[in-house]
Amino acid sequence: MTKAVFIIGNKRSGSTQLMHLLNLHPNIFVSNESDILWILYRFHNDLDIVPYKWDTPIGINRTLEKHKDLLSKDTF
């Protein structure tokens, strides 16, 4: 079972550096919180999951590649 942990920091607090360092480990994947929030917003509103118009698709595509299986509207 995949578990999610959210690490959010203020600007210039080192959260991006922490993300890059954690992504060096082969069993850990960290995405920008803005990508995750955009994916969840689109998913919740039954919209196609496409990159935000001012962002590059790299972060969203990588996040979906790794964890699209976690998006499910089925209830347990």
PDB file of N, CA and C in Angstrom:
ATOM      1  N   MET A   1       0.847  -1.180   0.000  1.00  0.00           N
ATOM      2  CA  MET A   1       0.000   0.000   0.000  1.00  0.00           C
ATOM      3  C   MET A   1       0.892   1.243   0.000  1.00  0.00           C
ATOM      4  N   THR A   2       0.606   2.156  -0.914  1.00  0.00           N
ATOM      5  CA  THR A   2       1.349   3.395  -0.998  1.00  0.00           C
ATOM      6  C   THR A   2       0.790   4.374   0.015  1.00  0.00           C
ATOM      7  N   LYS A   3       1.678   5.035   0.728  1.00  0.00           N
ATOM      8  CA  LYS A   3       1.264   6.032   1.707  1.00  0.00           C
ATOM      9  C   LYS A   3       1.732   7.394   1.236  1.00  0.00           C
ATOM     10  N   ALA A   4       0.925   8.390   1.473  1.00  0.00           N
ATOM     11  CA  ALA A   4       1.257   9.755   1.073  1.00  0.00           C
ATOM     12  C   ALA A   4       1.656  10.569   2.287  1.00  0.00           C
ATOM     13  N   VAL A   5       2.662  11.365   2.111  1.00  0.00           N
ATOM     14  CA  VAL A   5       3.111  12.303   3.138  1.00  0.00           C
ATOM     15  C   VAL A   5       3.211  13.656   2.461  1.00  0.00           C
ATOM     16  N   PHE A   6       2.634  14.672   3.056  1.00  0.00           N
ATOM     17  CA  PHE A   6       2.705  16.010   2.499  1.00  0.00           C
ATOM     18  C   PHE A   6       3.697  16.836   3.293  1.00  0.00           C
ATOM     19  N   ILE A   7       4.652  17.427   2.594  1.00  0.00           N
ATOM     20  CA  ILE A   7       5.616  18.335   3.195  1.00  0.00           C
ATOM     21  C   ILE A   7       5.413  19.669   2.508  1.00  0.00           C
ATOM     22  N   ILE A   8       4.995  20.651   3.266  1.00  0.00           N
ATOM     23  CA  ILE A   8       4.722  21.965   2.715  1.00  0.00           C
ATOM     24  C   ILE A   8       5.553  22.973   3.493  1.00  0.00           C
ATOM     25  N   GLY A   9       6.176  23.877   2.760  1.00  0.00           N
ATOM     26  CA  GLY A   9       6.997  24.885   3.422  1.00  0.00           C
ATOM     27  C   GLY A   9       6.772  26.262   2.831  1.00  0.00           C
ATOM     28  N   ASN A  10       7.194  27.259   3.554  1.00  0.00           N
ATOM     29  CA  ASN A  10       7.127  28.629   3.059  1.00  0.00           C
ATOM     30  C   ASN A  10       8.129  28.817   1.939  1.00  0.00           C
ATOM     31  N   LYS A  11       7.947  29.856   1.168  1.00  0.00           N
ATOM     32  CA  LYS A  11       8.914  30.177   0.127  1.00  0.00           C
ATOM     33  C   LYS A  11      10.284  30.386   0.769  1.00  0.00           C
ATOM     34  N   ARG A  12      11.293  29.923   0.052  1.00  0.00           N
ATOM     35  CA  ARG A  12      12.696  30.079   0.475  1.00  0.00           C
ATOM     36  C   ARG A  12      12.997  29.360   1.792  1.00  0.00           C
ATOM     37  N   SER A  13      12.232  28.289   2.086  1.00  0.00           N
ATOM     38  CA  SER A  13      12.458  27.566   3.336  1.00  0.00           C
ATOM     39  C   SER A  13      13.260  26.283   3.132  1.00  0.00           C
ATOM     40  N   GLY A  14      13.512  25.909   1.869  1.00  0.00           N
ATOM     41  CA  GLY A  14      14.279  24.698   1.608  1.00  0.00           C
ATOM     42  C   GLY A  14      13.440  23.505   1.204  1.00  0.00           C
ATOM     43  N   SER A  15      12.128  23.682   1.031  1.00  0.00           N
ATOM     44  CA  SER A  15      11.270  22.546   0.690  1.00  0.00           C
ATOM     45  C   SER A  15      11.582  21.989  -0.704  1.00  0.00           C
ATOM     46  N   THR A  16      11.952  22.835  -1.652  1.00  0.00           N
ATOM     47  CA  THR A  16      12.321  22.348  -2.985  1.00  0.00           C
ATOM     48  C   THR A  16      13.620  21.565  -2.927  1.00  0.00           C
ATOM     49  N   GLN A  17      14.565  22.033  -2.152  1.00  0.00           N
ATOM     50  CA  GLN A  17      15.821  21.296  -1.982  1.00  0.00           C
ATOM     51  C   GLN A  17      15.556  19.938  -1.330  1.00  0.00           C
ATOM     52  N   LEU A  18      14.687  19.912  -0.331  1.00  0.00           N
ATOM     53  CA  LEU A  18      14.317  18.655   0.303  1.00  0.00           C
ATOM     54  C   LEU A  18      13.666  17.717  -0.711  1.00  0.00           C
ATOM     55  N   MET A  19      12.808  18.247  -1.576  1.00  0.00           N
ATOM     56  CA  MET A  19      12.162  17.439  -2.615  1.00  0.00           C
ATOM     57  C   MET A  19      13.224  16.819  -3.531  1.00  0.00           C
ATOM     58  N   HIS A  20      14.181  17.614  -3.967  1.00  0.00           N
ATOM     59  CA  HIS A  20      15.235  17.098  -4.849  1.00  0.00           C
ATOM     60  C   HIS A  20      16.077  16.031  -4.154  1.00  0.00           C
ATOM     61  N   LEU A  21      16.389  16.236  -2.904  1.00  0.00           N
ATOM     62  CA  LEU A  21      17.189  15.250  -2.159  1.00  0.00           C
ATOM     63  C   LEU A  21      16.424  13.943  -1.969  1.00  0.00           C
ATOM     64  N   LEU A  22      15.150  14.029  -1.606  1.00  0.00           N
ATOM     65  CA  LEU A  22      14.351  12.818  -1.413  1.00  0.00           C
ATOM     66  C   LEU A  22      14.172  12.053  -2.722  1.00  0.00           C
ATOM     67  N   ASN A  23      14.057  12.766  -3.831  1.00  0.00           N
ATOM     68  CA  ASN A  23      13.895  12.110  -5.130  1.00  0.00           C
ATOM     69  C   ASN A  23      15.157  11.372  -5.582  1.00  0.00           C
ATOM     70  N   LEU A  24      16.263  11.558  -4.908  1.00  0.00           N
ATOM     71  CA  LEU A  24      17.469  10.791  -5.223  1.00  0.00           C
ATOM     72  C   LEU A  24      17.333   9.327  -4.805  1.00  0.00           C
ATOM     73  N   HIS A  25      16.452   9.057  -3.856  1.00  0.00           N
ATOM     74  CA  HIS A  25      16.231   7.685  -3.400  1.00  0.00           C
ATOM     75  C   HIS A  25      15.321   6.965  -4.398  1.00  0.00           C
ATOM     76  N   PRO A  26      15.668   5.746  -4.804  1.00  0.00           N
ATOM     77  CA  PRO A  26      14.872   5.059  -5.828  1.00  0.00           C
ATOM     78  C   PRO A  26      13.469   4.652  -5.388  1.00  0.00           C
ATOM     79  N   ASN A  27      13.198   4.575  -4.103  1.00  0.00           N
ATOM     80  CA  ASN A  27      11.889   4.150  -3.618  1.00  0.00           C
ATOM     81  C   ASN A  27      11.007   5.306  -3.148  1.00  0.00           C
ATOM     82  N   ILE A  28      11.450   6.531  -3.418  1.00  0.00           N
ATOM     83  CA  ILE A  28      10.701   7.703  -2.965  1.00  0.00           C
ATOM     84  C   ILE A  28      10.412   8.583  -4.173  1.00  0.00           C
ATOM     85  N   PHE A  29       9.189   9.077  -4.251  1.00  0.00           N
ATOM     86  CA  PHE A  29       8.835  10.055  -5.279  1.00  0.00           C
ATOM     87  C   PHE A  29       8.168  11.239  -4.610  1.00  0.00           C
ATOM     88  N   VAL A  30       8.665  12.423  -4.905  1.00  0.00           N
ATOM     89  CA  VAL A  30       8.109  13.646  -4.354  1.00  0.00           C
ATOM     90  C   VAL A  30       7.749  14.567  -5.518  1.00  0.00           C
ATOM     91  N   SER A  31       6.562  15.133  -5.466  1.00  0.00           N
ATOM     92  CA  SER A  31       6.105  16.075  -6.489  1.00  0.00           C
ATOM     93  C   SER A  31       5.857  17.423  -5.830  1.00  0.00           C
ATOM     94  N   ASN A  32       5.833  18.458  -6.651  1.00  0.00           N
ATOM     95  CA  ASN A  32       5.487  19.782  -6.124  1.00  0.00           C
ATOM     96  C   ASN A  32       4.040  19.781  -5.654  1.00  0.00           C
ATOM     97  N   GLU A  33       3.780  20.463  -4.561  1.00  0.00           N
ATOM     98  CA  GLU A  33       2.419  20.489  -4.033  1.00  0.00           C
ATOM     99  C   GLU A  33       1.453  21.124  -5.025  1.00  0.00           C
ATOM    100  N   SER A  34       1.920  22.068  -5.838  1.00  0.00           N
ATOM    101  CA  SER A  34       1.015  22.683  -6.809  1.00  0.00           C
ATOM    102  C   SER A  34       0.554  21.662  -7.847  1.00  0.00           C
ATOM    103  N   ASP A  35       1.428  20.741  -8.267  1.00  0.00           N
ATOM    104  CA  ASP A  35       1.016  19.697  -9.211  1.00  0.00           C
ATOM    105  C   ASP A  35      -0.030  18.786  -8.589  1.00  0.00           C
ATOM    106  N   ILE A  36       0.184  18.392  -7.359  1.00  0.00           N
ATOM    107  CA  ILE A  36      -0.739  17.483  -6.683  1.00  0.00           C
ATOM    108  C   ILE A  36      -2.104  18.152  -6.482  1.00  0.00           C
ATOM    109  N   LEU A  37      -2.093  19.395  -6.040  1.00  0.00           N
ATOM    110  CA  LEU A  37      -3.357  20.105  -5.829  1.00  0.00           C
ATOM    111  C   LEU A  37      -4.114  20.284  -7.138  1.00  0.00           C
ATOM    112  N   TRP A  38      -3.420  20.568  -8.229  1.00  0.00           N
ATOM    113  CA  TRP A  38      -4.071  20.737  -9.530  1.00  0.00           C
ATOM    114  C   TRP A  38      -4.680  19.412  -9.992  1.00  0.00           C
ATOM    115  N   ILE A  39      -3.941  18.319  -9.840  1.00  0.00           N
ATOM    116  CA  ILE A  39      -4.455  16.994 -10.215  1.00  0.00           C
ATOM    117  C   ILE A  39      -5.713  16.672  -9.404  1.00  0.00           C
ATOM    118  N   LEU A  40      -5.658  16.878  -8.099  1.00  0.00           N
ATOM    119  CA  LEU A  40      -6.814  16.574  -7.250  1.00  0.00           C
ATOM    120  C   LEU A  40      -8.007  17.466  -7.577  1.00  0.00           C
ATOM    121  N   TYR A  41      -7.756  18.726  -7.869  1.00  0.00           N
ATOM    122  CA  TYR A  41      -8.847  19.646  -8.254  1.00  0.00           C
ATOM    123  C   TYR A  41      -9.521  19.155  -9.524  1.00  0.00           C
ATOM    124  N   ARG A  42      -8.726  18.834 -10.554  1.00  0.00           N
ATOM    125  CA  ARG A  42      -9.286  18.381 -11.831  1.00  0.00           C
ATOM    126  C   ARG A  42     -10.036  17.054 -11.655  1.00  0.00           C
ATOM    127  N   PHE A  43      -9.448  16.144 -10.896  1.00  0.00           N
ATOM    128  CA  PHE A  43     -10.050  14.837 -10.664  1.00  0.00           C
ATOM    129  C   PHE A  43     -11.387  14.972  -9.928  1.00  0.00           C
ATOM    130  N   HIS A  44     -11.398  15.756  -8.865  1.00  0.00           N
ATOM    131  CA  HIS A  44     -12.597  15.941  -8.050  1.00  0.00           C
ATOM    132  C   HIS A  44     -13.745  16.548  -8.857  1.00  0.00           C
ATOM    133  N   ASN A  45     -13.420  17.419  -9.799  1.00  0.00           N
ATOM    134  CA  ASN A  45     -14.437  18.091 -10.606  1.00  0.00           C
ATOM    135  C   ASN A  45     -14.702  17.391 -11.937  1.00  0.00           C
ATOM    136  N   ASP A  46     -14.263  16.141 -12.058  1.00  0.00           N
ATOM    137  CA  ASP A  46     -14.480  15.325 -13.263  1.00  0.00           C
ATOM    138  C   ASP A  46     -14.006  16.014 -14.546  1.00  0.00           C
ATOM    139  N   LEU A  47     -12.858  16.670 -14.453  1.00  0.00           N
ATOM    140  CA  LEU A  47     -12.251  17.334 -15.603  1.00  0.00           C
ATOM    141  C   LEU A  47     -11.051  16.516 -16.064  1.00  0.00           C
ATOM    142  N   ASP A  48     -10.721  16.640 -17.339  1.00  0.00           N
ATOM    143  CA  ASP A  48      -9.509  15.980 -17.823  1.00  0.00           C
ATOM    144  C   ASP A  48      -8.310  16.522 -17.058  1.00  0.00           C
ATOM    145  N   ILE A  49      -7.405  15.635 -16.729  1.00  0.00           N
ATOM    146  CA  ILE A  49      -6.216  16.067 -15.993  1.00  0.00           C
ATOM    147  C   ILE A  49      -5.170  16.502 -17.009  1.00  0.00           C
ATOM    148  N   VAL A  50      -5.068  17.799 -17.161  1.00  0.00           N
ATOM    149  CA  VAL A  50      -4.106  18.411 -18.075  1.00  0.00           C
ATOM    150  C   VAL A  50      -3.278  19.409 -17.269  1.00  0.00           C
ATOM    151  N   PRO A  51      -2.067  19.689 -17.723  1.00  0.00           N
ATOM    152  CA  PRO A  51      -1.238  20.656 -16.993  1.00  0.00           C
ATOM    153  C   PRO A  51      -1.892  22.036 -16.929  1.00  0.00           C
ATOM    154  N   TYR A  52      -1.599  22.735 -15.869  1.00  0.00           N
ATOM    155  CA  TYR A  52      -2.029  24.124 -15.736  1.00  0.00           C
ATOM    156  C   TYR A  52      -1.441  24.897 -16.901  1.00  0.00           C
ATOM    157  N   LYS A  53      -2.185  25.843 -17.469  1.00  0.00           N
ATOM    158  CA  LYS A  53      -1.778  26.454 -18.737  1.00  0.00           C
ATOM    159  C   LYS A  53      -0.451  27.201 -18.686  1.00  0.00           C
ATOM    160  N   TRP A  54       0.012  27.609 -17.528  1.00  0.00           N
ATOM    161  CA  TRP A  54       1.298  28.300 -17.445  1.00  0.00           C
ATOM    162  C   TRP A  54       2.428  27.413 -16.947  1.00  0.00           C
ATOM    163  N   ASP A  55       2.150  26.152 -16.714  1.00  0.00           N
ATOM    164  CA  ASP A  55       3.169  25.216 -16.236  1.00  0.00           C
ATOM    165  C   ASP A  55       3.616  24.295 -17.357  1.00  0.00           C
ATOM    166  N   THR A  56       4.811  23.764 -17.212  1.00  0.00           N
ATOM    167  CA  THR A  56       5.249  22.716 -18.123  1.00  0.00           C
ATOM    168  C   THR A  56       4.604  21.416 -17.662  1.00  0.00           C
ATOM    169  N   PRO A  57       4.412  20.461 -18.553  1.00  0.00           N
ATOM    170  CA  PRO A  57       3.736  19.215 -18.183  1.00  0.00           C
ATOM    171  C   PRO A  57       4.629  18.214 -17.445  1.00  0.00           C
ATOM    172  N   ILE A  58       5.877  18.524 -17.225  1.00  0.00           N
ATOM    173  CA  ILE A  58       6.826  17.556 -16.662  1.00  0.00           C
ATOM    174  C   ILE A  58       6.383  17.037 -15.306  1.00  0.00           C
ATOM    175  N   GLY A  59       6.054  17.930 -14.371  1.00  0.00           N
ATOM    176  CA  GLY A  59       5.703  17.505 -13.015  1.00  0.00           C
ATOM    177  C   GLY A  59       4.415  16.703 -12.961  1.00  0.00           C
ATOM    178  N   ILE A  60       3.393  17.183 -13.648  1.00  0.00           N
ATOM    179  CA  ILE A  60       2.108  16.474 -13.641  1.00  0.00           C
ATOM    180  C   ILE A  60       2.246  15.119 -14.317  1.00  0.00           C
ATOM    181  N   ASN A  61       2.912  15.081 -15.458  1.00  0.00           N
ATOM    182  CA  ASN A  61       3.072  13.805 -16.163  1.00  0.00           C
ATOM    183  C   ASN A  61       3.845  12.793 -15.327  1.00  0.00           C
ATOM    184  N   ARG A  62       4.880  13.241 -14.642  1.00  0.00           N
ATOM    185  CA  ARG A  62       5.663  12.317 -13.810  1.00  0.00           C
ATOM    186  C   ARG A  62       4.847  11.837 -12.616  1.00  0.00           C
ATOM    187  N   THR A  63       4.092  12.733 -12.016  1.00  0.00           N
ATOM    188  CA  THR A  63       3.242  12.363 -10.885  1.00  0.00           C
ATOM    189  C   THR A  63       2.196  11.341 -11.313  1.00  0.00           C
ATOM    190  N   LEU A  64       1.538  11.595 -12.439  1.00  0.00           N
ATOM    191  CA  LEU A  64       0.521  10.660 -12.929  1.00  0.00           C
ATOM    192  C   LEU A  64       1.143   9.331 -13.340  1.00  0.00           C
ATOM    193  N   GLU A  65       2.317   9.369 -13.923  1.00  0.00           N
ATOM    194  CA  GLU A  65       3.005   8.136 -14.324  1.00  0.00           C
ATOM    195  C   GLU A  65       3.261   7.245 -13.118  1.00  0.00           C
ATOM    196  N   LYS A  66       3.652   7.855 -12.018  1.00  0.00           N
ATOM    197  CA  LYS A  66       3.986   7.091 -10.814  1.00  0.00           C
ATOM    198  C   LYS A  66       2.761   6.659 -10.018  1.00  0.00           C
ATOM    199  N   HIS A  67       1.721   7.509  -9.965  1.00  0.00           N
ATOM    200  CA  HIS A  67       0.657   7.270  -8.978  1.00  0.00           C
ATOM    201  C   HIS A  67      -0.761   7.462  -9.495  1.00  0.00           C
ATOM    202  N   LYS A  68      -0.998   7.335 -10.781  1.00  0.00           N
ATOM    203  CA  LYS A  68      -2.360   7.490 -11.296  1.00  0.00           C
ATOM    204  C   LYS A  68      -3.302   6.444 -10.703  1.00  0.00           C
ATOM    205  N   ASP A  69      -2.759   5.296 -10.319  1.00  0.00           N
ATOM    206  CA  ASP A  69      -3.591   4.240  -9.741  1.00  0.00           C
ATOM    207  C   ASP A  69      -4.222   4.657  -8.408  1.00  0.00           C
ATOM    208  N   LEU A  70      -3.731   5.709  -7.786  1.00  0.00           N
ATOM    209  CA  LEU A  70      -4.309   6.175  -6.523  1.00  0.00           C
ATOM    210  C   LEU A  70      -5.575   6.995  -6.736  1.00  0.00           C
ATOM    211  N   LEU A  71      -5.816   7.440  -7.976  1.00  0.00           N
ATOM    212  CA  LEU A  71      -7.011   8.228  -8.260  1.00  0.00           C
ATOM    213  C   LEU A  71      -8.177   7.296  -8.521  1.00  0.00           C
ATOM    214  N   SER A  72      -9.072   7.206  -7.588  1.00  0.00           N
ATOM    215  CA  SER A  72     -10.237   6.341  -7.729  1.00  0.00           C
ATOM    216  C   SER A  72     -11.394   6.939  -6.949  1.00  0.00           C
ATOM    217  N   LYS A  73     -12.539   6.943  -7.558  1.00  0.00           N
ATOM    218  CA  LYS A  73     -13.737   7.451  -6.876  1.00  0.00           C
ATOM    219  C   LYS A  73     -14.496   6.323  -6.191  1.00  0.00           C
ATOM    220  N   ASP A  74     -13.968   5.114  -6.280  1.00  0.00           N
ATOM    221  CA  ASP A  74     -14.596   3.995  -5.579  1.00  0.00           C
ATOM    222  C   ASP A  74     -14.402   4.166  -4.088  1.00  0.00           C
ATOM    223  N   THR A  75     -15.434   3.886  -3.327  1.00  0.00           N
ATOM    224  CA  THR A  75     -15.329   3.957  -1.876  1.00  0.00           C
ATOM    225  C   THR A  75     -15.100   2.550  -1.333  1.00  0.00           C
ATOM    226  N   PHE A  76     -14.477   2.488  -0.222  1.00  0.00           N
ATOM    227  CA  PHE A  76     -14.163   1.197   0.404  1.00  0.00           C
ATOM    228  C   PHE A  76     -15.297   0.758   1.280  1.00  0.00           C
TER     229      PHE A  76
END
